Protein backbone atom coordinates (compact mmCIF):
# COMPACT_ATOMS: atom_id res chain seq x y z
CA MET A 1 106.73 100.78 89.26
CA ASP A 2 108.13 103.74 91.15
CA SER A 3 108.08 103.77 94.95
CA ARG A 4 105.83 106.85 95.23
CA THR A 5 103.09 105.24 93.16
CA LEU A 6 103.45 101.96 95.03
CA ALA A 7 103.05 103.78 98.36
CA LEU A 8 99.62 105.06 97.24
CA LEU A 9 98.21 101.72 96.11
CA VAL A 10 96.43 99.32 98.47
CA CYS A 11 94.67 95.99 98.16
CA PRO A 12 90.99 96.56 97.33
CA GLN A 13 90.00 93.66 99.61
CA CYS A 14 91.84 94.39 102.88
CA LYS A 15 93.37 97.85 102.20
CA GLY A 16 96.78 96.34 102.97
CA ARG A 17 100.11 97.22 101.41
CA LEU A 18 101.01 95.78 98.01
CA GLU A 19 104.35 94.34 96.96
CA TRP A 20 105.64 94.92 93.41
CA ARG A 21 106.98 91.86 91.57
CA GLU A 22 108.63 93.19 88.46
CA GLU A 23 109.39 89.86 86.80
CA GLN A 24 105.73 88.81 86.90
CA GLN A 25 104.40 92.35 86.39
CA GLU A 26 102.09 91.90 89.39
CA LEU A 27 101.16 93.66 92.60
CA VAL A 28 100.87 91.16 95.44
CA CYS A 29 98.81 91.33 98.62
CA ARG A 30 100.44 88.87 101.01
CA GLY A 31 97.59 89.04 103.52
CA GLU A 32 94.88 88.05 101.04
CA LYS A 33 97.20 85.90 98.89
CA LEU A 34 96.16 87.78 95.73
CA ALA A 35 98.16 88.94 92.73
CA PHE A 36 96.89 91.83 90.62
CA PRO A 37 98.19 92.24 87.06
CA VAL A 38 99.89 95.39 85.80
CA LEU A 39 99.27 95.76 82.07
CA ASP A 40 100.93 98.55 80.09
CA ASP A 41 102.01 100.17 83.39
CA ILE A 42 98.40 100.29 84.61
CA PRO A 43 97.54 98.35 87.80
CA HIS A 44 94.32 96.37 87.50
CA LEU A 45 93.14 96.35 91.11
CA LEU A 46 89.80 94.65 90.55
CA LEU A 47 89.08 91.51 92.54
CA SER A 48 87.83 89.92 89.33
CA ALA A 49 91.26 90.51 87.73
CA ALA A 50 93.22 89.06 90.65
CA ARG A 51 94.53 85.55 90.86
CA GLU A 52 94.90 83.53 94.03
CA MET A 53 98.45 82.69 95.02
CA SER A 54 99.73 79.52 96.67
CA SER A 55 101.77 79.64 99.86
CA ASP A 56 104.85 78.59 97.89
CA GLU A 57 104.51 81.61 95.60
CA LEU A 58 104.51 83.96 98.58
CA LYS A 59 107.92 82.77 99.83
C-alpha cells in the first residue's frame, strides 16, 4: 500500500490513523484494536469485516 493512499484512509470507528501490515495484508487501528483486511489491493473498512486484535498482536 503506498503512503499517499494510506494517508487518506482512517478507521471507520474512531477516525484514527491506520497502520499497514504488509505480511498480514491488514490495516490496523491501534486505538480500537481492530484489523481490517485488504483483499486484492482493496481495503475493506467495514466494521463487520474487521477482526479484534489482542494486546500481544499490537506490540
